Amino acid sequence: MTEKPTRVVTAHLPEDLAKRLDEYAHRQERSKGWIVRQAVTDWISQEDEWDRMTREGLAAADAGETVDHARVEAWAESLGTDAPLPLPKP
């Protein structure tokens, strides 16, 4: 299996966060680098998803696929009641 090239990235962490990272690395028998790599991978995946959803929402709004504010407000107010309204759709 061919490994991807890597690059060292340095980050300054507050002392308490660095200590917690040390503790988790020790408890999980993983390197700090492995934990940081996982955290950054997960964060980037989340940001990619937020970006995709934002672009999708903006495209829908540009296409006129919107829901009247009053309908959304009525739906939100109905949540947690005995008769919640269905999610309003464009």
Protein backbone atom coordinates (compact mmCIF):
# COMPACT_ATOMS: atom_id res chain seq x y z
CA MET A 1 0.00 0.00 0.00
CA THR A 2 1.37 3.41 -0.96
CA GLU A 3 1.24 6.02 1.77
CA LYS A 4 0.17 9.56 0.96
CA PRO A 5 2.79 12.24 1.46
CA THR A 6 2.42 14.11 4.74
CA ARG A 7 3.36 17.52 6.01
CA VAL A 8 3.97 18.73 9.55
CA VAL A 9 1.59 21.42 10.77
CA THR A 10 2.24 23.23 14.03
CA ALA A 11 -0.50 24.65 16.26
CA HIS A 12 -0.28 26.39 19.60
CA LEU A 13 -2.83 25.00 22.05
CA PRO A 14 -3.81 26.38 25.43
CA GLU A 15 -1.99 24.45 28.16
CA ASP A 16 -5.17 22.84 29.53
CA LEU A 17 -6.20 21.61 26.08
CA ALA A 18 -2.72 20.22 25.42
CA LYS A 19 -2.85 18.35 28.73
CA ARG A 20 -6.23 16.86 27.84
CA LEU A 21 -4.82 15.79 24.47
CA ASP A 22 -1.94 14.08 26.28
CA GLU A 23 -4.40 12.29 28.59
CA TYR A 24 -6.59 11.04 25.72
CA ALA A 25 -3.58 9.90 23.72
CA HIS A 26 -2.33 7.93 26.71
CA ARG A 27 -5.76 6.44 27.53
CA GLN A 28 -6.46 5.40 23.96
CA GLU A 29 -2.91 4.28 23.29
CA ARG A 30 -2.76 6.53 20.26
CA SER A 31 -0.29 9.19 19.29
CA LYS A 32 -1.23 12.84 19.68
CA GLY A 33 -0.67 13.16 15.93
CA TRP A 34 -3.28 10.45 15.25
CA ILE A 35 -5.85 12.21 17.45
CA VAL A 36 -5.18 15.60 15.87
CA ARG A 37 -5.37 14.09 12.37
CA GLN A 38 -8.76 12.51 13.23
CA ALA A 39 -10.04 15.78 14.70
CA VAL A 40 -8.98 17.82 11.68
CA THR A 41 -10.40 15.23 9.26
CA ASP A 42 -13.74 15.27 11.08
CA TRP A 43 -13.80 19.07 11.25
CA ILE A 44 -13.06 19.45 7.54
CA SER A 45 -15.79 16.90 6.70
CA GLN A 46 -18.25 18.89 8.81
CA GLU A 47 -17.23 22.18 7.17
CA ASP A 48 -17.58 20.60 3.70
CA GLU A 49 -21.11 19.49 4.61
CA TRP A 50 -22.03 22.95 5.94
CA ASP A 51 -20.67 24.52 2.75
CA ARG A 52 -22.64 22.08 0.58
CA MET A 53 -25.86 22.71 2.49
CA THR A 54 -25.35 26.49 2.35
CA ARG A 55 -24.80 26.46 -1.39
CA GLU A 56 -27.81 24.16 -1.84
CA GLY A 57 -29.98 26.50 0.25
CA LEU A 58 -28.83 29.59 -1.63
CA ALA A 59 -29.52 27.90 -4.96
CA ALA A 60 -33.01 26.92 -3.76
CA ALA A 61 -33.68 30.49 -2.61
CA ASP A 62 -32.43 31.84 -5.95
CA ALA A 63 -34.87 29.45 -7.66
CA GLY A 64 -37.72 30.84 -5.55
CA GLU A 65 -38.05 27.71 -3.40
CA THR A 66 -38.81 29.50 -0.15
CA VAL A 67 -41.36 29.15 2.65
CA ASP A 68 -43.30 32.11 4.00
CA HIS A 69 -41.97 33.25 7.40
CA ALA A 70 -45.42 33.13 9.00
CA ARG A 71 -45.79 29.45 8.04
CA VAL A 72 -42.38 28.62 9.51
CA GLU A 73 -43.20 30.55 12.67
CA ALA A 74 -46.54 28.72 13.06
CA TRP A 75 -44.80 25.37 12.54
CA ALA A 76 -42.08 26.20 15.10
CA GLU A 77 -44.66 27.30 17.67
CA SER A 78 -46.56 24.04 17.17
CA LEU A 79 -43.55 21.89 18.06
CA GLY A 80 -43.86 20.30 21.48
CA THR A 81 -47.64 20.62 21.46
CA ASP A 82 -50.24 17.87 21.18
CA ALA A 83 -50.82 18.75 17.52
CA PRO A 84 -47.54 19.73 15.81
CA LEU A 85 -47.92 21.01 12.27
CA PRO A 86 -46.13 19.20 9.44
CA LEU A 87 -42.86 20.72 8.27
CA PRO A 88 -43.76 23.48 5.80
CA LYS A 89 -42.49 22.92 2.26
CA PRO A 90 -42.09 25.41 -0.60
